N, C-alpha and C. Protein backbone atom coordinates (compact mmCIF):
# COMPACT_ATOMS: atom_id res chain seq x y z
N LYS A 1 58.71 74.42 18.01
CA LYS A 1 58.65 74.21 19.71
C LYS A 1 59.96 75.11 19.88
N PRO A 2 59.62 76.11 21.05
CA PRO A 2 60.85 77.35 21.00
C PRO A 2 61.93 76.28 21.88
N GLU A 3 61.64 75.76 22.71
CA GLU A 3 62.41 75.26 23.67
C GLU A 3 63.67 74.11 23.12
N GLU A 4 63.23 73.62 21.92
CA GLU A 4 64.09 72.93 21.03
C GLU A 4 64.70 73.61 19.97
N CYS A 5 63.75 74.76 19.70
CA CYS A 5 64.52 75.34 18.17
C CYS A 5 64.27 74.75 17.21
N GLN A 6 63.28 74.58 17.29
CA GLN A 6 63.07 73.23 15.97
C GLN A 6 61.35 73.97 15.47
N LEU A 7 61.23 73.61 14.32
CA LEU A 7 59.97 74.38 13.42
C LEU A 7 59.45 72.89 12.95
N TYR A 8 58.06 72.63 13.60
CA TYR A 8 57.35 71.19 12.83
C TYR A 8 56.24 71.76 11.71
N ILE A 9 56.36 71.45 10.74
CA ILE A 9 55.10 71.45 9.66
C ILE A 9 53.99 70.36 9.66
N PHE A 10 53.13 71.06 10.38
CA PHE A 10 52.08 69.85 10.41
C PHE A 10 50.81 70.28 9.30
N ALA A 11 50.91 71.07 8.56
CA ALA A 11 50.03 71.24 7.49
C ALA A 11 50.85 71.97 6.21
N ASP A 12 50.43 71.81 5.15
CA ASP A 12 50.54 72.24 3.98
C ASP A 12 49.81 72.08 2.68
N ASP A 13 49.85 72.56 1.71
CA ASP A 13 48.93 72.62 0.42
C ASP A 13 49.21 71.49 -0.43
N VAL A 14 48.25 71.01 -1.00
CA VAL A 14 48.82 69.84 -1.91
C VAL A 14 49.25 70.26 -3.26
N ILE A 15 48.76 71.89 -3.52
CA ILE A 15 49.30 72.26 -4.55
C ILE A 15 50.87 72.96 -4.55
N PRO A 16 51.76 72.80 -5.00
CA PRO A 16 52.97 73.30 -4.39
C PRO A 16 53.08 75.27 -5.34
N ARG A 17 52.92 75.71 -4.22
CA ARG A 17 53.06 77.10 -4.56
C ARG A 17 54.41 78.23 -4.31
N TRP A 18 54.51 79.23 -5.15
CA TRP A 18 55.48 80.17 -5.11
C TRP A 18 55.21 81.34 -4.26
N ILE A 19 54.89 81.46 -3.28
CA ILE A 19 54.38 82.30 -2.11
C ILE A 19 54.75 83.58 -2.77
N THR A 20 54.28 84.50 -2.81
CA THR A 20 54.64 86.31 -3.36
C THR A 20 54.39 87.00 -1.42
N ASP A 21 53.39 86.71 -1.24
CA ASP A 21 52.80 87.56 -0.08
C ASP A 21 51.50 86.82 0.56
N PHE A 22 51.23 86.84 1.72
CA PHE A 22 50.44 86.37 2.18
C PHE A 22 49.97 86.98 3.91
N THR A 23 48.37 86.98 4.06
CA THR A 23 48.26 87.34 5.34
C THR A 23 47.00 86.67 5.98
N LEU A 24 47.18 86.67 7.41
CA LEU A 24 46.34 85.62 8.08
C LEU A 24 44.79 86.41 8.14
N LEU A 25 43.79 85.62 8.00
CA LEU A 25 42.31 85.99 7.91
C LEU A 25 41.83 85.80 9.31
N ASP A 26 42.20 84.67 10.04
CA ASP A 26 41.71 84.23 11.46
C ASP A 26 42.91 83.23 11.82
N TYR A 27 42.45 82.69 13.08
CA TYR A 27 43.66 81.65 13.61
C TYR A 27 43.92 80.43 12.68
N ASP A 28 42.83 80.11 11.77
CA ASP A 28 43.02 78.97 10.91
C ASP A 28 43.08 79.22 9.36
N THR A 29 42.87 80.57 9.03
CA THR A 29 42.79 80.60 7.82
C THR A 29 43.66 82.13 7.22
N ILE A 30 44.09 81.82 5.92
CA ILE A 30 45.23 82.85 5.10
C ILE A 30 44.73 82.92 4.01
N VAL A 31 44.89 84.22 3.27
CA VAL A 31 44.72 84.77 2.14
C VAL A 31 46.59 84.87 1.53
N GLY A 32 46.65 84.44 0.29
CA GLY A 32 47.84 84.40 -0.48
C GLY A 32 47.97 84.70 -1.69
N CYS A 33 48.91 84.82 -2.33
CA CYS A 33 49.14 84.76 -3.76
C CYS A 33 50.53 84.34 -4.23
N ASP A 34 50.54 84.05 -5.33
CA ASP A 34 51.87 83.11 -5.75
C ASP A 34 52.54 83.92 -7.06
N LYS A 35 53.20 83.46 -7.41
CA LYS A 35 54.19 84.00 -8.82
C LYS A 35 53.31 83.74 -10.07
N PHE A 36 52.27 82.86 -9.89
CA PHE A 36 51.70 82.27 -10.97
C PHE A 36 50.26 82.94 -11.27
N GLU A 37 50.15 84.52 -10.37
CA GLU A 37 49.33 85.45 -10.51
C GLU A 37 48.15 84.95 -9.87
N ASN A 38 48.15 83.84 -8.97
CA ASN A 38 46.61 83.60 -8.32
C ASN A 38 46.88 84.18 -6.74
N VAL A 39 45.33 84.19 -6.54
CA VAL A 39 44.93 84.61 -5.16
C VAL A 39 44.23 83.64 -4.65
N PHE A 40 44.53 83.07 -3.65
CA PHE A 40 43.98 81.94 -2.82
C PHE A 40 43.92 82.04 -1.57
N VAL A 41 42.59 81.38 -0.79
CA VAL A 41 42.53 81.54 0.37
C VAL A 41 42.02 79.71 1.02
N LEU A 42 43.24 79.61 2.02
CA LEU A 42 43.24 77.85 2.51
C LEU A 42 42.96 78.18 4.04
N ARG A 43 42.59 77.09 4.32
CA ARG A 43 42.03 76.81 6.03
C ARG A 43 42.51 75.69 6.56
N LEU A 44 43.26 75.59 7.68
CA LEU A 44 43.36 74.44 8.32
C LEU A 44 42.21 73.51 8.08
N PRO A 45 42.71 72.15 8.05
CA PRO A 45 41.18 71.34 8.50
C PRO A 45 40.89 71.05 9.87
N PRO A 46 39.71 70.87 10.16
CA PRO A 46 39.42 70.84 12.07
C PRO A 46 39.80 70.19 12.73
N GLY A 47 40.57 70.24 13.42
CA GLY A 47 40.75 69.31 14.84
C GLY A 47 42.44 69.20 14.41
N CYS A 48 43.00 69.81 13.58
CA CYS A 48 44.52 69.53 13.39
C CYS A 48 45.66 69.87 14.47
N GLU A 49 44.93 71.48 15.11
CA GLU A 49 45.67 71.95 15.58
C GLU A 49 45.91 70.98 17.03
N GLU A 50 44.69 70.53 17.43
CA GLU A 50 44.64 69.53 18.74
C GLU A 50 45.63 68.28 18.61
N ASP A 51 45.52 67.85 17.55
CA ASP A 51 46.76 66.64 17.24
C ASP A 51 48.06 67.34 17.09
N ALA A 52 48.43 68.43 16.71
CA ALA A 52 49.90 69.18 16.74
C ALA A 52 50.16 69.13 18.31
N GLU A 53 49.41 69.84 18.82
CA GLU A 53 49.82 70.60 19.68
C GLU A 53 49.74 69.48 20.92
N ASP A 54 49.11 68.37 20.79
CA ASP A 54 49.05 67.20 21.83
C ASP A 54 50.57 66.43 21.38
N ASP A 55 50.73 66.29 20.40
CA ASP A 55 51.85 65.07 19.95
C ASP A 55 52.68 65.77 19.00
N PRO A 56 53.71 66.74 18.70
CA PRO A 56 54.13 67.38 17.58
C PRO A 56 55.12 66.30 17.05
N THR A 57 55.63 65.45 17.90
CA THR A 57 56.76 64.55 17.27
C THR A 57 55.52 63.82 16.28
N SER A 58 54.40 63.21 16.60
CA SER A 58 54.10 62.39 15.94
C SER A 58 53.85 63.10 14.23
N THR A 59 53.51 64.20 14.28
CA THR A 59 53.42 65.05 12.80
C THR A 59 54.72 65.17 12.11
N LYS A 60 55.47 64.84 13.28
CA LYS A 60 57.35 65.05 12.31
C LYS A 60 57.49 63.79 11.90
N PHE A 61 56.89 62.43 12.51
CA PHE A 61 57.20 61.20 11.88
C PHE A 61 56.36 61.05 10.54
N LYS A 62 55.25 61.61 10.74
CA LYS A 62 54.08 61.45 9.46
C LYS A 62 54.58 62.33 8.19
N TRP A 63 55.63 63.15 8.66
CA TRP A 63 56.24 64.33 7.52
C TRP A 63 57.28 63.13 6.81
N GLU A 64 57.97 62.54 7.77
CA GLU A 64 59.58 61.68 7.49
C GLU A 64 58.83 60.86 6.59
N SER A 65 57.68 60.11 6.82
CA SER A 65 57.22 59.03 6.19
C SER A 65 56.80 59.35 4.61
N GLY A 66 56.63 60.60 4.32
CA GLY A 66 56.08 61.18 3.46
C GLY A 66 54.73 61.22 2.73
N TYR A 67 53.76 61.02 3.91
CA TYR A 67 52.28 61.19 3.35
C TYR A 67 52.05 62.21 2.38
N LEU A 68 51.62 62.11 0.89
CA LEU A 68 51.42 62.55 0.03
C LEU A 68 52.44 63.78 -0.17
N SER A 69 53.85 63.19 0.02
CA SER A 69 54.87 64.09 -0.38
C SER A 69 55.08 65.41 0.55
N GLY A 70 54.32 65.25 1.83
CA GLY A 70 54.41 66.59 2.93
C GLY A 70 54.07 66.18 4.18
N ALA A 71 53.09 67.35 4.54
CA ALA A 71 52.60 67.27 6.00
C ALA A 71 51.68 66.35 6.13
N ALA A 72 51.73 66.05 7.52
CA ALA A 72 50.31 65.14 8.09
C ALA A 72 49.24 65.64 7.55
N PHE A 73 49.10 67.05 7.48
CA PHE A 73 47.48 67.60 7.40
C PHE A 73 47.54 68.54 5.92
N LYS A 74 46.73 68.36 5.27
CA LYS A 74 46.59 69.26 4.00
C LYS A 74 45.55 70.45 4.23
N PHE A 75 45.83 71.84 3.40
CA PHE A 75 45.06 72.86 3.92
C PHE A 75 43.86 72.73 3.09
N ASP A 76 42.31 72.93 3.49
CA ASP A 76 41.31 73.02 2.77
C ASP A 76 41.22 74.08 1.76
N GLN A 77 40.83 74.11 0.69
CA GLN A 77 41.17 75.19 -0.28
C GLN A 77 39.56 75.59 -0.29
N ILE A 78 39.38 77.10 0.17
CA ILE A 78 38.34 77.72 0.30
C ILE A 78 37.97 78.42 -1.17
N ALA A 79 38.97 79.30 -1.73
CA ALA A 79 38.79 80.01 -2.91
C ALA A 79 39.95 79.97 -3.81
N GLN A 80 39.85 80.11 -4.87
CA GLN A 80 40.97 80.47 -5.68
C GLN A 80 40.47 81.13 -7.06
N PHE A 81 41.53 82.08 -7.56
CA PHE A 81 41.12 83.07 -8.48
C PHE A 81 42.62 83.23 -9.29
N HIS A 82 42.37 83.02 -10.79
CA HIS A 82 43.83 83.95 -11.23
C HIS A 82 43.39 85.27 -11.66
N THR A 83 44.15 86.06 -11.34
CA THR A 83 44.06 87.69 -11.99
C THR A 83 45.02 87.91 -13.03
N GLY A 84 45.34 87.34 -13.37
CA GLY A 84 46.69 88.07 -14.81
C GLY A 84 47.59 88.92 -14.28
N GLN A 85 47.96 89.15 -13.42
CA GLN A 85 49.21 89.99 -12.95
C GLN A 85 49.64 89.72 -11.85
N LEU A 86 50.63 89.80 -11.59
CA LEU A 86 51.74 89.27 -10.52
C LEU A 86 51.12 89.96 -9.19
N ILE A 87 50.68 89.19 -8.26
CA ILE A 87 50.21 90.03 -6.91
C ILE A 87 51.67 90.15 -5.99
N THR A 88 51.66 91.41 -5.52
CA THR A 88 52.80 91.75 -4.87
C THR A 88 52.60 91.94 -3.36
N SER A 89 51.34 92.49 -2.89
CA SER A 89 50.75 92.49 -1.45
C SER A 89 49.78 92.10 -1.56
N VAL A 90 49.17 91.76 -0.25
CA VAL A 90 47.65 91.19 -0.12
C VAL A 90 47.36 91.58 1.39
N ARG A 91 46.21 92.50 1.87
CA ARG A 91 46.30 92.84 3.45
C ARG A 91 44.82 92.44 3.50
N LYS A 92 44.35 92.51 4.85
CA LYS A 92 43.16 92.62 5.34
C LYS A 92 42.89 93.83 5.67
N CYS A 93 41.90 94.66 5.59
CA CYS A 93 41.82 95.91 5.85
C CYS A 93 40.34 96.12 6.02
N GLN A 94 39.64 97.54 6.81
CA GLN A 94 38.27 97.76 6.95
C GLN A 94 38.50 99.09 6.27
N LEU A 95 37.84 99.53 5.29
CA LEU A 95 37.50 100.56 4.64
C LEU A 95 36.79 101.61 5.14
N SER A 96 35.79 101.34 5.82
CA SER A 96 35.13 102.43 6.55
C SER A 96 35.03 101.96 7.74
N ALA A 97 34.52 103.10 9.03
CA ALA A 97 34.48 102.40 10.44
C ALA A 97 33.29 101.41 10.58
N PHE A 98 32.32 101.43 9.83
CA PHE A 98 31.07 100.67 10.12
C PHE A 98 31.03 99.38 8.70
N GLY A 99 32.35 99.58 8.17
CA GLY A 99 31.77 98.34 6.90
C GLY A 99 32.61 97.04 7.39
N SER A 100 32.24 96.24 6.60
CA SER A 100 32.85 94.65 6.97
C SER A 100 34.29 94.44 6.31
N GLU A 101 35.16 93.89 6.88
CA GLU A 101 36.48 93.73 6.35
C GLU A 101 36.49 92.95 5.06
N VAL A 102 37.66 93.92 4.46
CA VAL A 102 37.54 93.27 2.68
C VAL A 102 39.45 93.04 2.67
N ILE A 103 39.59 92.06 1.57
CA ILE A 103 40.90 91.81 1.70
C ILE A 103 41.42 92.63 0.10
N LEU A 104 42.36 93.42 0.41
CA LEU A 104 43.01 94.60 -0.75
C LEU A 104 44.33 93.89 -1.38
N PHE A 105 44.37 93.96 -2.94
CA PHE A 105 45.73 93.44 -3.08
C PHE A 105 46.24 94.25 -4.35
N ALA A 106 47.84 94.07 -4.30
CA ALA A 106 48.13 95.33 -5.55
C ALA A 106 49.06 94.44 -6.20
N THR A 107 49.39 94.76 -7.54
CA THR A 107 49.74 94.31 -8.60
C THR A 107 50.89 94.61 -8.85
N THR A 108 52.12 94.20 -10.04
CA THR A 108 52.97 94.60 -10.71
C THR A 108 52.84 95.75 -11.35
N MET A 109 51.84 95.90 -12.15
CA MET A 109 51.26 96.50 -13.01
C MET A 109 50.28 97.72 -12.52
N GLY A 110 50.09 97.83 -11.22
CA GLY A 110 49.73 99.02 -10.53
C GLY A 110 48.28 98.90 -10.58
N SER A 111 47.46 97.91 -10.47
CA SER A 111 46.14 97.53 -10.25
C SER A 111 46.18 97.32 -8.75
N ILE A 112 44.91 97.84 -8.31
CA ILE A 112 44.57 97.31 -6.77
C ILE A 112 43.33 96.88 -6.98
N GLY A 113 43.32 95.50 -6.43
CA GLY A 113 41.78 94.63 -6.44
C GLY A 113 41.22 94.38 -4.65
N ALA A 114 40.22 94.10 -5.25
CA ALA A 114 39.65 93.84 -3.75
C ALA A 114 38.63 92.38 -3.47
N LEU A 115 38.57 91.83 -2.78
CA LEU A 115 37.80 90.59 -2.68
C LEU A 115 36.77 91.05 -1.42
N LEU A 116 35.52 91.28 -1.66
CA LEU A 116 34.58 91.59 -0.95
C LEU A 116 33.57 90.49 -0.38
N PRO A 117 33.19 90.09 0.99
CA PRO A 117 32.56 89.22 1.22
C PRO A 117 31.03 89.47 0.74
N PHE A 118 30.32 88.28 0.30
CA PHE A 118 29.00 88.62 0.44
C PHE A 118 28.12 88.55 1.39
N GLU A 119 27.23 89.10 1.95
CA GLU A 119 26.72 89.12 3.05
C GLU A 119 25.27 88.27 3.06
N LEU A 120 24.63 88.21 1.74
CA LEU A 120 23.25 88.03 1.74
C LEU A 120 23.56 86.62 0.66
N LYS A 121 22.69 85.50 0.90
CA LYS A 121 22.54 84.50 -0.19
C LYS A 121 22.21 84.86 -1.58
N ASP A 122 20.82 85.76 -1.45
CA ASP A 122 20.53 86.31 -2.60
C ASP A 122 21.27 87.00 -3.40
N ASP A 123 22.38 87.84 -2.58
CA ASP A 123 23.48 88.33 -3.63
C ASP A 123 24.37 87.55 -4.41
N VAL A 124 24.53 86.32 -3.87
CA VAL A 124 25.49 85.37 -4.11
C VAL A 124 24.98 84.64 -5.32
N GLU A 125 23.55 84.70 -5.41
CA GLU A 125 23.01 83.63 -6.42
C GLU A 125 22.79 84.64 -7.51
N THR A 126 22.53 85.74 -7.32
CA THR A 126 22.38 86.70 -8.52
C THR A 126 23.61 86.83 -9.23
N PHE A 127 24.69 87.60 -8.43
CA PHE A 127 26.07 87.64 -9.05
C PHE A 127 26.79 86.50 -10.09
N VAL A 128 26.40 84.94 -9.61
CA VAL A 128 27.11 83.99 -10.15
C VAL A 128 26.16 83.79 -11.53
N HIS A 129 24.80 83.85 -11.50
CA HIS A 129 23.88 84.14 -12.50
C HIS A 129 24.25 85.17 -13.62
N LEU A 130 24.54 86.07 -13.35
CA LEU A 130 24.79 87.16 -13.99
C LEU A 130 26.51 87.18 -14.47
N GLU A 131 27.35 86.57 -14.10
CA GLU A 131 28.48 86.00 -14.33
C GLU A 131 28.33 85.08 -15.51
N MET A 132 27.69 83.65 -15.17
CA MET A 132 27.38 83.02 -16.51
C MET A 132 26.72 83.64 -17.42
N TYR A 133 25.87 84.33 -17.36
CA TYR A 133 25.36 85.07 -18.49
C TYR A 133 26.10 85.91 -19.29
N LEU A 134 27.06 86.49 -18.72
CA LEU A 134 27.93 87.39 -19.17
C LEU A 134 29.17 86.82 -20.04
N ARG A 135 29.51 85.26 -19.43
CA ARG A 135 30.38 84.52 -19.97
C ARG A 135 29.91 84.30 -21.58
N GLN A 136 28.86 84.10 -21.91
CA GLN A 136 28.18 83.97 -23.08
C GLN A 136 28.08 85.03 -23.77
N GLU A 137 27.57 86.32 -23.55
CA GLU A 137 27.35 87.77 -24.40
C GLU A 137 28.23 88.45 -24.61
N ALA A 138 29.23 88.37 -23.38
CA ALA A 138 30.80 89.18 -23.23
C ALA A 138 31.77 88.74 -23.51
N GLN A 139 31.96 88.04 -25.08
CA GLN A 139 33.13 87.29 -25.35
C GLN A 139 34.69 87.96 -25.42
N PRO A 140 35.40 87.74 -25.15
CA PRO A 140 36.91 88.21 -24.65
C PRO A 140 37.10 88.93 -26.30
N LEU A 141 38.25 89.76 -26.32
CA LEU A 141 38.71 90.23 -27.57
C LEU A 141 39.57 88.93 -28.21
N CYS A 142 40.32 88.38 -27.49
CA CYS A 142 41.51 87.42 -27.99
C CYS A 142 40.83 85.99 -28.40
N GLY A 143 39.63 85.75 -27.73
CA GLY A 143 38.68 84.51 -28.05
C GLY A 143 39.05 83.51 -27.02
N ARG A 144 39.69 83.68 -26.11
CA ARG A 144 39.90 82.69 -24.73
C ARG A 144 38.82 83.13 -24.00
N GLU A 145 38.37 81.65 -23.75
CA GLU A 145 37.29 81.59 -22.68
C GLU A 145 37.27 82.01 -21.41
N HIS A 146 36.41 83.25 -20.67
CA HIS A 146 36.82 83.28 -19.54
C HIS A 146 36.84 82.61 -18.65
N VAL A 147 36.28 81.17 -18.38
CA VAL A 147 36.64 80.11 -17.42
C VAL A 147 38.25 79.88 -17.58
N SER A 148 38.65 79.43 -18.86
CA SER A 148 40.12 78.73 -18.85
C SER A 148 41.05 79.96 -18.60
N PHE A 149 40.67 81.46 -18.38
CA PHE A 149 41.68 82.31 -17.89
C PHE A 149 41.99 82.48 -16.68
N ARG A 150 40.58 82.76 -16.20
CA ARG A 150 40.65 82.49 -14.58
C ARG A 150 40.81 81.15 -14.09
N SER A 151 41.20 80.14 -14.70
CA SER A 151 41.50 79.15 -14.07
C SER A 151 42.62 78.55 -14.66
N SER A 152 43.75 79.51 -15.04
CA SER A 152 44.82 78.94 -15.87
C SER A 152 45.61 77.84 -15.04
N SER A 153 46.03 78.20 -13.72
CA SER A 153 46.47 77.19 -12.77
C SER A 153 45.93 75.98 -12.26
N VAL A 154 44.97 76.97 -11.38
CA VAL A 154 43.94 75.53 -10.44
C VAL A 154 42.37 76.03 -10.76
N PRO A 155 41.36 75.40 -11.08
CA PRO A 155 40.12 75.83 -11.25
C PRO A 155 39.61 77.12 -10.33
N VAL A 156 39.20 78.05 -11.18
CA VAL A 156 38.47 79.22 -10.19
C VAL A 156 37.92 78.47 -9.18
N LYS A 157 37.48 79.02 -7.82
CA LYS A 157 36.82 78.28 -6.85
C LYS A 157 36.28 79.54 -5.87
N ASN A 158 34.58 79.59 -5.79
CA ASN A 158 34.16 80.35 -4.82
C ASN A 158 34.28 81.65 -4.87
N ILE A 159 34.71 82.36 -6.06
CA ILE A 159 34.88 83.54 -6.34
C ILE A 159 34.13 84.14 -7.74
N VAL A 160 33.50 85.43 -7.36
CA VAL A 160 32.62 85.94 -8.35
C VAL A 160 33.47 87.02 -9.19
N ASP A 161 33.90 86.95 -10.81
CA ASP A 161 34.51 87.73 -11.21
C ASP A 161 33.82 89.29 -11.37
N GLY A 162 34.21 90.11 -10.72
CA GLY A 162 33.48 91.46 -10.84
C GLY A 162 34.23 92.06 -11.94
N ASP A 163 35.27 92.10 -12.48
CA ASP A 163 35.85 92.65 -13.95
C ASP A 163 34.70 92.04 -14.90
N LEU A 164 34.17 91.31 -14.84
CA LEU A 164 33.04 90.44 -15.91
C LEU A 164 31.97 91.00 -15.49
N CYS A 165 31.59 91.04 -14.22
CA CYS A 165 30.16 91.73 -13.99
C CYS A 165 30.17 93.60 -14.33
N GLU A 166 31.13 93.93 -14.28
CA GLU A 166 31.22 95.14 -14.70
C GLU A 166 30.69 95.55 -16.30
N GLN A 167 30.75 94.34 -16.85
CA GLN A 167 30.47 94.95 -18.53
C GLN A 167 29.25 94.90 -18.79
N PHE A 168 28.44 94.24 -17.71
CA PHE A 168 26.91 94.40 -18.02
C PHE A 168 26.78 95.88 -18.64
N ALA A 169 27.42 96.63 -17.80
CA ALA A 169 26.81 98.23 -18.22
C ALA A 169 27.44 98.35 -19.83
N GLN A 170 27.96 97.53 -20.25
CA GLN A 170 28.32 97.97 -22.12
C GLN A 170 27.61 97.12 -22.64
N LEU A 171 26.69 96.23 -22.31
CA LEU A 171 25.54 95.68 -22.85
C LEU A 171 24.56 96.78 -23.53
N SER A 172 23.79 96.48 -24.58
CA SER A 172 22.72 97.06 -25.00
C SER A 172 21.40 97.15 -24.09
N PHE A 173 21.08 98.09 -24.00
CA PHE A 173 20.02 98.12 -23.28
C PHE A 173 18.82 97.13 -23.25
N ILE A 174 18.43 96.46 -24.56
CA ILE A 174 17.37 95.45 -24.62
C ILE A 174 18.26 94.38 -23.91
N LYS A 175 19.40 94.05 -23.76
CA LYS A 175 20.33 92.90 -23.36
C LYS A 175 20.04 92.93 -21.83
N GLN A 176 20.32 94.07 -21.24
CA GLN A 176 20.38 94.49 -20.01
C GLN A 176 19.02 94.12 -19.20
N LYS A 177 18.02 94.63 -20.36
CA LYS A 177 16.48 94.54 -20.00
C LYS A 177 16.30 93.11 -19.67
N SER A 178 16.51 92.04 -20.91
CA SER A 178 16.49 90.85 -20.54
C SER A 178 17.10 90.00 -19.66
N VAL A 179 18.33 90.42 -19.32
CA VAL A 179 18.78 89.86 -18.22
C VAL A 179 18.32 89.87 -17.07
N ALA A 180 17.90 91.43 -16.60
CA ALA A 180 17.32 91.71 -15.69
C ALA A 180 15.75 90.87 -15.12
N GLU A 181 15.19 90.59 -16.51
CA GLU A 181 14.07 90.18 -16.43
C GLU A 181 14.45 88.43 -15.93
N GLU A 182 15.29 88.08 -16.49
CA GLU A 182 15.90 86.52 -16.34
C GLU A 182 16.33 86.55 -14.45
N LEU A 183 17.04 87.48 -14.09
CA LEU A 183 17.03 87.25 -13.09
C LEU A 183 16.24 87.76 -11.69
N ASP A 184 14.93 88.09 -12.15
CA ASP A 184 14.07 88.84 -11.46
C ASP A 184 14.54 90.05 -10.65
N LYS A 185 15.04 90.92 -11.40
CA LYS A 185 15.83 92.11 -10.83
C LYS A 185 15.25 93.16 -11.36
């Protein structure tokens, strides 16, 4: 509240995070990254803005009462992904004049990554099935399971791993053909 020179926290995350960068996606949604090499998307629960605007002191008292050791409202976790590299910057941008918006991130190791939205449900199903198949076929060199790596801090959620799907091209032609037949593509 500017007239009182006070900042009221009315929503926070259930997971304590050491934020390295974040950006707003819309009025209720943020994408952020933390020092544990995670990128995540969080959204305010529906209706919490009205409660906070109507009576901001009530959320202050809820904060002081210690509801889950934090604010009165908790962010909804939309997506979560472990990159394996410390992310230093995350931005929402449009790569072409007629393209959809994407989320780009840069890491300390020099990688540039992107989070791209799927526009068709069929595409989501295809890539989720491809990812599940490649988890079995393309075993990592160090022997660690792919899911446990991508979920090192918090379980991976609502993100298809493009790095893993790229390994489809390294499979033998016979395996590629059998996967394509299973996916009906």
